[in-house]
Amino acid sequence: MKILGLQVQNFKRIKAINIHPKGNMVVLSGRNGQGKSSAIDSIWAALGGESGKEIPIPIRVGQARADIRLDLGEVVVTRSWTDNDKSYLKVEGKDGVAMKSPQTLLDGWVSDLTFDPLEFSRQDANAQRKMLINVSNLDTNALAELDLKRQRHYDDRTMVNRELRDAESALSSLPHVENPPSEEISVSDTARKLQEVQSQNSACERDRLEWVSIGEQIETLQQKKQSISAKWNAYPVNENNDLEEELILLIANAEIQNNSFRLYQQRLVAEKKFMSKQSESALLTTGIEQVDSEKIRIMTSAQMPMQGLTMDENGVFFNGTPFKQLSSAEQLRIASAIAMAKKSDLRILLIKDGSLMDEQSMEMLHAMAAEHDYQIWLEKVDSSGNVGIVIEEGEVVKEN
């Protein structure tokens, strides 16, 4: 559907206009403040329903009523205001029969009407990407699931990387242990052995002294001497002396060896944790890369409005060049192609600030409108009176 007729009375700056457009391009021209924007806004207000409240004073100053009649061929939309806060809507079919729930019918068209190619060019990369997704045959549910999956991976990796940094810090705080001992020394066990050896040595010494004393009584105590001599000969005197020195040295060095052993064990635990977190982080990074690759695959398989048009997480590109780096003419052509790719029964584009476009851009836009069977309503500041439908003081004064 396109606009076959637009009749407006006392809406904003409009006194009365009656436009029956010819062709695919409708240019509303004139000086600033004459009603061009009001004419564009009247189309939006007629269809916009609740969004019409964005116009705080729809009724022209000094008047009691405002009316808009929009002939779309299949239907005729009439919206009136007798109070600036309330509007009255009627939608009729070709046969003149009023339709039920008229605003519900119109709401499906409104979002399509709001697309302004020039406004698209001024949006940030993320907003442009979302608009392109809406007009392409992308599986938005799959993209949403991938976004959630990627966010989970990202959040998990953030936490793991925090733990990885802690593990790395803990590892770096521990010195390397050269030739680490194989086990800890039990000081209590070694001290017990030392006590046993010292006890044996003390007993041995006591027996030796007793043997000397008994020697003086050798004749009377020969039997006892022989018994004690046999027992004394059984003592490993030299071996125990060496063992005693060894155990004393072992106890003296036990703390050094044990500290070295414990430090080595701590480092083994720290290295194991570091490697585990490093592996976990790498696995999550791989998961993120796989999600990104799947999203790129889905995006590159989309049916784009123009050949050479692509997108990724960073925005929209044309032949590999970011949208913002394209010329104004290329941006307008691409944005218009995206707008015209929207599957809508209402084949209308409303463009404000048309004065920013040069003659070449206007011709290109006109050709695209004809190619895609679209109707473009564009306002352009012009004081020559020789461009499009000229509006002065809220009325049409000339049609070029």
Protein backbone atom coordinates (compact mmCIF):
# COMPACT_ATOMS: atom_id res chain seq x y z
CA MET A 1 0.00 0.00 0.00
CA LYS A 2 1.04 3.57 -0.75
CA ILE A 3 -0.53 6.93 -0.05
CA LEU A 4 -2.95 7.87 -2.80
CA GLY A 5 -4.21 10.97 -1.05
CA LEU A 6 -3.33 13.07 2.00
CA GLN A 7 -5.76 15.66 3.31
CA VAL A 8 -4.83 17.65 6.41
CA GLN A 9 -6.57 20.54 8.16
CA ASN A 10 -5.32 22.56 11.13
CA PHE A 11 -2.68 20.03 12.17
CA LYS A 12 0.36 21.71 13.78
CA ARG A 13 1.46 24.34 11.21
CA ILE A 14 -0.81 23.07 8.44
CA LYS A 15 -3.85 25.15 7.54
CA ALA A 16 -5.17 22.92 4.77
CA ILE A 17 -3.42 20.68 2.24
CA ASN A 18 -4.73 18.14 -0.23
CA ILE A 19 -1.98 16.11 -1.87
CA HIS A 20 -2.45 13.33 -4.44
CA PRO A 21 1.13 12.17 -5.09
CA LYS A 22 2.36 11.15 -8.52
CA GLY A 23 5.23 8.71 -8.90
CA ASN A 24 7.46 7.17 -6.28
CA MET A 25 9.03 10.34 -4.86
CA VAL A 26 7.06 13.02 -3.04
CA VAL A 27 9.24 16.04 -2.18
CA LEU A 28 7.76 18.64 0.16
CA SER A 29 9.75 21.85 -0.14
CA GLY A 30 9.71 25.41 1.11
CA ARG A 31 11.33 27.68 3.61
CA ASN A 32 11.81 26.74 7.26
CA GLY A 33 8.76 26.96 9.50
CA GLN A 34 6.19 26.75 6.68
CA GLY A 35 4.70 23.30 7.48
CA LYS A 36 6.84 20.72 5.64
CA SER A 37 7.63 18.78 8.81
CA SER A 38 3.98 19.05 9.90
CA ALA A 39 2.92 17.38 6.65
CA ILE A 40 5.39 14.50 7.22
CA ASP A 41 4.32 14.25 10.86
CA SER A 42 0.65 14.08 9.85
CA ILE A 43 1.28 10.72 8.13
CA TRP A 44 2.89 9.37 11.26
CA ALA A 45 0.20 10.84 13.50
CA ALA A 46 -2.60 9.34 11.41
CA LEU A 47 -1.18 5.85 11.84
CA GLY A 48 0.67 6.17 15.12
CA GLY A 49 -2.05 5.76 17.72
CA GLU A 50 -0.51 6.12 21.16
CA SER A 51 2.65 7.47 19.58
CA GLY A 52 0.60 10.47 18.45
CA LYS A 53 0.93 11.64 22.04
CA GLU A 54 4.50 12.54 21.19
CA ILE A 55 2.92 15.60 19.50
CA PRO A 56 1.92 17.70 22.52
CA ILE A 57 -0.25 20.19 20.58
CA PRO A 58 -1.57 18.61 17.37
CA ILE A 59 -4.28 21.26 16.79
CA ARG A 60 -3.10 24.40 15.01
CA VAL A 61 -2.94 27.37 17.35
CA GLY A 62 -6.21 29.31 17.34
CA GLN A 63 -8.26 26.44 15.93
CA ALA A 64 -10.67 24.05 17.68
CA ARG A 65 -10.18 20.91 15.59
CA ALA A 66 -7.57 19.07 13.52
CA ASP A 67 -8.26 16.40 10.88
CA ILE A 68 -6.11 14.03 8.84
CA ARG A 69 -7.44 11.78 6.08
CA LEU A 70 -5.00 9.23 4.67
CA ASP A 71 -6.09 7.28 1.59
CA LEU A 72 -4.02 4.06 1.31
CA GLY A 73 -6.11 2.53 -1.46
CA GLU A 74 -7.03 -0.61 0.45
CA VAL A 75 -8.10 1.41 3.48
CA VAL A 76 -8.81 5.02 4.39
CA VAL A 77 -7.53 6.25 7.75
CA THR A 78 -9.13 9.26 9.39
CA ARG A 79 -7.88 10.75 12.63
CA SER A 80 -9.30 13.84 14.30
CA TRP A 81 -8.60 15.91 17.38
CA THR A 82 -11.11 18.12 19.17
CA ASP A 83 -8.86 18.23 22.21
CA ASN A 84 -5.06 18.25 22.21
CA ASP A 85 -4.98 15.24 24.56
CA LYS A 86 -7.46 13.00 22.72
CA SER A 87 -7.72 11.73 19.18
CA TYR A 88 -10.46 9.87 17.31
CA LEU A 89 -9.65 7.17 14.78
CA LYS A 90 -11.64 5.56 12.00
CA VAL A 91 -10.37 3.01 9.46
CA GLU A 92 -12.62 2.10 6.52
CA GLY A 93 -12.22 -0.44 3.76
CA LYS A 94 -12.80 0.17 0.07
CA ASP A 95 -16.47 -0.48 0.59
CA GLY A 96 -16.72 2.20 3.23
CA VAL A 97 -17.33 -0.26 6.05
CA ALA A 98 -15.57 0.71 9.29
CA MET A 99 -13.11 -1.88 10.61
CA LYS A 100 -13.09 -3.18 14.16
CA SER A 101 -10.04 -2.61 16.37
CA PRO A 102 -8.60 -0.09 13.91
CA GLN A 103 -5.51 0.77 15.96
CA THR A 104 -4.53 -2.89 16.26
CA LEU A 105 -4.62 -3.05 12.46
CA LEU A 106 -2.44 0.04 12.13
CA ASP A 107 0.08 -0.93 14.81
CA GLY A 108 1.54 -3.59 12.54
CA TRP A 109 2.50 -0.86 10.05
CA VAL A 110 3.79 1.82 12.35
CA SER A 111 7.23 0.36 13.09
CA ASP A 112 7.90 0.03 9.36
CA LEU A 113 6.91 3.65 8.78
CA THR A 114 9.39 4.95 11.33
CA PHE A 115 12.51 3.88 9.40
CA ASP A 116 14.33 6.97 8.13
CA PRO A 117 17.41 6.11 6.02
CA LEU A 118 19.15 9.32 7.06
CA GLU A 119 18.47 8.55 10.72
CA PHE A 120 19.86 5.02 10.15
CA SER A 121 23.09 6.59 8.90
CA ARG A 122 23.43 8.51 12.16
CA GLN A 123 22.88 5.50 14.43
CA ASP A 124 25.73 3.71 16.15
CA ALA A 125 27.13 0.46 14.76
CA ASN A 126 25.20 -1.78 17.16
CA ALA A 127 21.82 -0.18 16.34
CA GLN A 128 22.55 -0.48 12.60
CA ARG A 129 23.43 -4.14 13.04
CA LYS A 130 20.16 -4.84 14.87
CA MET A 131 18.15 -3.14 12.11
CA LEU A 132 19.92 -5.20 9.45
CA ILE A 133 19.19 -8.39 11.42
CA ASN A 134 15.48 -7.48 11.45
CA VAL A 135 15.29 -7.23 7.65
CA SER A 136 17.44 -10.31 6.91
CA ASN A 137 16.39 -13.96 7.06
CA LEU A 138 18.39 -14.57 10.23
CA ASP A 139 17.39 -17.07 12.87
CA THR A 140 17.06 -14.49 15.65
CA ASN A 141 16.26 -17.19 18.23
CA ALA A 142 19.51 -18.97 17.41
CA LEU A 143 21.40 -15.68 17.65
CA ALA A 144 19.79 -14.93 21.01
CA GLU A 145 20.74 -18.38 22.32
CA LEU A 146 24.29 -17.90 21.06
CA ASP A 147 24.45 -14.48 22.73
CA LEU A 148 23.37 -16.08 26.03
CA LYS A 149 25.84 -18.94 25.59
CA ARG A 150 28.64 -16.51 24.76
CA GLN A 151 27.81 -14.37 27.80
CA ARG A 152 27.89 -17.42 30.06
CA HIS A 153 31.28 -18.43 28.65
CA TYR A 154 32.50 -14.87 29.00
CA ASP A 155 31.33 -14.55 32.62
CA ASP A 156 32.80 -17.96 33.52
CA ARG A 157 36.10 -17.09 31.86
CA THR A 158 36.20 -13.76 33.72
CA MET A 159 35.87 -15.62 37.02
CA VAL A 160 38.39 -18.29 36.01
CA ASN A 161 40.87 -15.68 34.80
CA ARG A 162 40.56 -13.94 38.17
CA GLU A 163 41.37 -17.26 39.88
CA LEU A 164 44.13 -17.84 37.31
CA ARG A 165 45.74 -14.52 38.25
CA ASP A 166 45.52 -15.45 41.95
CA ALA A 167 47.07 -18.86 41.23
CA GLU A 168 49.82 -17.24 39.17
CA SER A 169 50.50 -14.74 41.96
CA ALA A 170 50.64 -17.55 44.53
CA LEU A 171 52.98 -19.56 42.29
CA SER A 172 55.31 -16.62 41.64
CA SER A 173 55.59 -15.93 45.38
CA LEU A 174 57.10 -19.40 45.97
CA PRO A 175 60.82 -19.88 45.14
CA HIS A 176 62.08 -22.77 43.05
CA VAL A 177 63.41 -25.68 45.16
CA GLU A 178 66.62 -27.20 43.81
CA ASN A 179 67.00 -30.95 44.43
CA PRO A 180 63.90 -31.19 46.61
CA PRO A 181 63.94 -33.92 49.34
CA SER A 182 61.72 -36.91 48.81
CA GLU A 183 60.12 -36.72 52.25
CA GLU A 184 59.91 -34.86 55.53
CA ILE A 185 61.99 -35.85 58.58
CA SER A 186 60.04 -36.79 61.70
CA VAL A 187 61.82 -34.87 64.44
CA SER A 188 59.91 -36.71 67.16
CA ASP A 189 60.87 -40.14 65.78
CA THR A 190 64.49 -39.10 65.36
CA ALA A 191 64.60 -37.62 68.87
CA ARG A 192 63.14 -40.86 70.24
CA LYS A 193 65.84 -42.87 68.49
CA LEU A 194 68.48 -40.48 69.82
CA GLN A 195 67.12 -40.93 73.33
CA GLU A 196 67.28 -44.71 72.94
CA VAL A 197 70.87 -44.58 71.72
CA GLN A 198 71.88 -42.15 74.47
CA SER A 199 70.19 -44.40 77.01
CA GLN A 200 72.11 -47.39 75.68
CA ASN A 201 75.37 -45.46 75.74
CA SER A 202 74.71 -44.31 79.31
CA ALA A 203 73.99 -47.88 80.36
CA CYS A 204 77.14 -49.02 78.62
CA GLU A 205 79.19 -46.43 80.47
CA ARG A 206 77.70 -47.40 83.78
CA ASP A 207 78.52 -51.05 83.12
CA ARG A 208 82.12 -50.17 82.17
CA LEU A 209 82.64 -48.30 85.41
CA GLU A 210 81.09 -51.16 87.31
CA TRP A 211 83.42 -53.58 85.47
CA VAL A 212 86.43 -51.56 86.67
CA SER A 213 85.12 -51.73 90.21
CA ILE A 214 84.46 -55.42 89.92
CA GLY A 215 87.97 -55.92 88.59
CA GLU A 216 89.22 -55.09 92.03
CA GLN A 217 87.03 -57.83 93.37
CA ILE A 218 87.81 -60.15 90.51
CA GLU A 219 88.40 -63.17 92.58
CA THR A 220 85.20 -62.90 94.51
CA LEU A 221 83.08 -61.56 91.69
CA GLN A 222 84.54 -63.48 88.71
CA GLN A 223 81.22 -64.93 87.78
CA LYS A 224 79.56 -61.53 87.82
CA LYS A 225 82.46 -60.03 85.87
CA GLN A 226 82.19 -62.62 83.17
CA SER A 227 78.45 -61.98 82.88
CA ILE A 228 78.87 -58.25 82.70
CA SER A 229 81.86 -58.59 80.36
CA ALA A 230 79.75 -60.67 78.00
CA LYS A 231 76.98 -58.09 78.07
CA TRP A 232 79.41 -55.22 77.61
CA ASN A 233 81.05 -56.92 74.64
CA ALA A 234 77.59 -57.16 73.03
CA TYR A 235 77.14 -53.40 72.99
CA PRO A 236 77.94 -51.77 69.59
CA VAL A 237 79.92 -49.01 71.27
CA ASN A 238 81.54 -47.51 68.14
CA GLU A 239 78.47 -47.93 65.97
CA ASN A 240 76.23 -46.28 68.55
CA ASN A 241 78.62 -43.37 68.93
CA ASP A 242 78.53 -42.81 65.16
CA LEU A 243 74.76 -43.21 65.09
CA GLU A 244 74.36 -40.74 67.92
CA GLU A 245 76.34 -38.10 66.04
CA GLU A 246 74.36 -38.83 62.88
CA LEU A 247 71.01 -38.47 64.66
CA ILE A 248 72.07 -35.24 66.36
CA LEU A 249 73.08 -33.82 62.96
CA LEU A 250 69.86 -35.08 61.38
CA ILE A 251 67.74 -33.33 64.00
CA ALA A 252 69.77 -30.14 63.58
CA ASN A 253 69.15 -30.18 59.81
CA ALA A 254 65.57 -31.51 59.98
CA GLU A 255 63.88 -28.09 59.95
CA ILE A 256 65.86 -26.99 56.91
CA GLN A 257 65.04 -30.17 55.02
CA ASN A 258 61.40 -30.13 56.14
CA ASN A 259 60.96 -26.47 55.08
CA SER A 260 62.46 -27.35 51.71
CA PHE A 261 60.16 -30.37 51.38
CA ARG A 262 57.04 -28.42 52.38
CA LEU A 263 57.93 -25.56 50.05
CA TYR A 264 58.37 -28.03 47.22
CA GLN A 265 54.98 -29.61 47.98
CA GLN A 266 53.34 -26.15 48.05
CA ARG A 267 54.84 -25.32 44.70
CA LEU A 268 53.62 -28.60 43.22
CA VAL A 269 50.07 -27.75 44.40
CA ALA A 270 50.38 -24.16 43.07
CA GLU A 271 51.68 -25.39 39.70
CA LYS A 272 48.83 -27.91 39.45
CA LYS A 273 46.21 -25.23 40.23
CA PHE A 274 47.81 -22.77 37.80
CA MET A 275 47.86 -25.32 34.97
CA SER A 276 44.26 -26.33 35.75
CA LYS A 277 43.01 -22.74 35.62
CA GLN A 278 45.07 -22.06 32.51
CA SER A 279 43.48 -25.06 30.80
CA GLU A 280 39.98 -24.07 32.00
CA SER A 281 40.43 -20.52 30.70
CA ALA A 282 41.66 -21.79 27.33
CA LEU A 283 38.65 -24.12 27.10
CA LEU A 284 36.24 -21.25 27.77
CA THR A 285 38.07 -19.08 25.23
CA THR A 286 37.61 -21.86 22.68
CA GLY A 287 33.90 -21.95 23.56
CA ILE A 288 33.61 -18.20 22.97
CA GLU A 289 35.44 -18.51 19.65
CA GLN A 290 33.12 -21.33 18.57
CA VAL A 291 30.06 -19.23 19.46
CA ASP A 292 31.48 -16.25 17.55
CA SER A 293 32.20 -18.48 14.53
CA GLU A 294 28.65 -19.86 14.58
CA LYS A 295 27.21 -16.34 14.77
CA ILE A 296 29.40 -15.26 11.86
CA ARG A 297 28.23 -18.31 9.90
CA ILE A 298 24.58 -17.43 10.56
CA MET A 299 25.15 -13.78 9.67
CA THR A 300 27.05 -14.52 6.46
CA SER A 301 24.30 -16.92 5.34
CA ALA A 302 21.66 -14.18 5.61
CA GLN A 303 20.00 -12.80 2.52
CA MET A 304 21.24 -9.23 2.59
CA PRO A 305 19.37 -6.35 0.94
CA MET A 306 22.46 -5.57 -1.17
CA GLN A 307 25.34 -7.60 -2.54
CA GLY A 308 28.51 -6.82 -0.60
CA LEU A 309 26.62 -5.99 2.59
CA THR A 310 27.81 -7.95 5.64
CA MET A 311 27.77 -7.61 9.41
CA ASP A 312 29.47 -8.99 12.50
CA GLU A 313 29.68 -8.19 16.20
CA ASN A 314 31.25 -4.81 15.38
CA GLY A 315 28.54 -3.52 13.05
CA VAL A 316 27.61 -3.24 9.36
CA PHE A 317 30.12 -3.38 6.49
CA PHE A 318 29.94 -2.84 2.73
CA ASN A 319 32.59 -4.62 0.67
CA GLY A 320 34.64 -4.86 3.86
CA THR A 321 34.45 -1.15 4.72
CA PRO A 322 32.70 -0.05 7.95
CA PHE A 323 29.41 1.72 7.27
CA LYS A 324 30.57 4.94 8.97
CA GLN A 325 33.55 5.17 6.59
CA LEU A 326 31.41 5.09 3.44
CA SER A 327 30.50 8.19 1.49
CA SER A 328 27.19 9.91 2.25
CA ALA A 329 25.76 8.71 -1.07
CA GLU A 330 26.74 5.08 -0.33
CA GLN A 331 25.31 5.31 3.18
CA LEU A 332 22.02 6.65 1.87
CA ARG A 333 21.80 3.98 -0.84
CA ILE A 334 22.51 1.16 1.65
CA ALA A 335 20.20 2.53 4.34
CA SER A 336 17.40 2.92 1.79
CA ALA A 337 17.96 -0.62 0.52
CA ILE A 338 17.71 -1.91 4.10
CA ALA A 339 14.52 0.07 4.64
CA MET A 340 12.98 -1.25 1.44
CA ALA A 341 13.93 -4.81 2.35
CA LYS A 342 11.47 -4.75 5.25
CA LYS A 343 8.56 -7.06 4.49
CA SER A 344 5.64 -4.72 4.97
CA ASP A 345 2.30 -4.08 3.32
CA LEU A 346 2.90 -0.36 3.85
CA ARG A 347 5.53 0.56 1.27
CA ILE A 348 6.27 4.08 2.45
CA LEU A 349 9.45 5.80 3.66
CA LEU A 350 9.41 9.14 5.49
CA ILE A 351 12.66 11.12 5.29
CA LYS A 352 13.36 14.33 7.14
CA ASP A 353 16.43 16.53 6.60
CA GLY A 354 16.36 15.79 2.90
CA SER A 355 18.24 19.06 2.41
CA LEU A 356 21.41 17.15 3.31
CA MET A 357 21.22 15.21 0.03
CA ASP A 358 22.73 16.45 -3.22
CA GLU A 359 21.16 16.06 -6.65
CA GLN A 360 22.95 12.77 -7.35
CA SER A 361 21.69 11.27 -4.08
CA MET A 362 18.15 12.41 -4.84
CA GLU A 363 18.27 10.78 -8.29
CA MET A 364 19.67 7.56 -6.85
CA LEU A 365 16.96 7.47 -4.16
CA HIS A 366 14.28 8.08 -6.76
CA ALA A 367 15.59 5.20 -8.88
CA MET A 368 15.64 2.84 -5.89
CA ALA A 369 12.07 3.77 -4.97
CA ALA A 370 10.94 2.93 -8.51
CA GLU A 371 12.93 -0.32 -8.55
CA HIS A 372 11.51 -1.55 -5.24
CA ASP A 373 8.03 -0.13 -5.74
CA TYR A 374 8.28 2.19 -2.74
CA GLN A 375 6.85 5.65 -2.13
CA ILE A 376 9.19 8.13 -0.46
CA TRP A 377 7.98 11.28 1.29
CA LEU A 378 10.86 13.67 1.77
CA GLU A 379 11.06 17.21 3.13
CA LYS A 380 13.63 19.60 1.73
CA VAL A 381 14.41 23.19 2.59
CA ASP A 382 14.20 25.21 -0.64
CA SER A 383 13.22 28.80 -1.27
CA SER A 384 13.24 28.69 -5.08
CA GLY A 385 9.68 27.39 -5.37
CA ASN A 386 10.77 25.04 -8.16
CA VAL A 387 11.22 21.82 -6.19
CA GLY A 388 8.45 19.31 -5.53
CA ILE A 389 5.29 20.30 -3.70
CA VAL A 390 5.87 23.77 -2.27
CA ILE A 391 4.30 24.57 1.11
CA GLU A 392 4.00 28.13 2.44
CA GLU A 393 2.23 29.16 5.62
CA GLY A 394 0.64 25.76 5.97
CA GLU A 395 -0.76 25.48 2.44
CA VAL A 396 0.28 24.04 -0.91
CA VAL A 397 1.10 26.94 -3.21
CA LYS A 398 2.70 25.07 -6.10
CA GLU A 399 3.23 21.55 -7.44
CA ASN A 400 6.27 20.97 -9.64
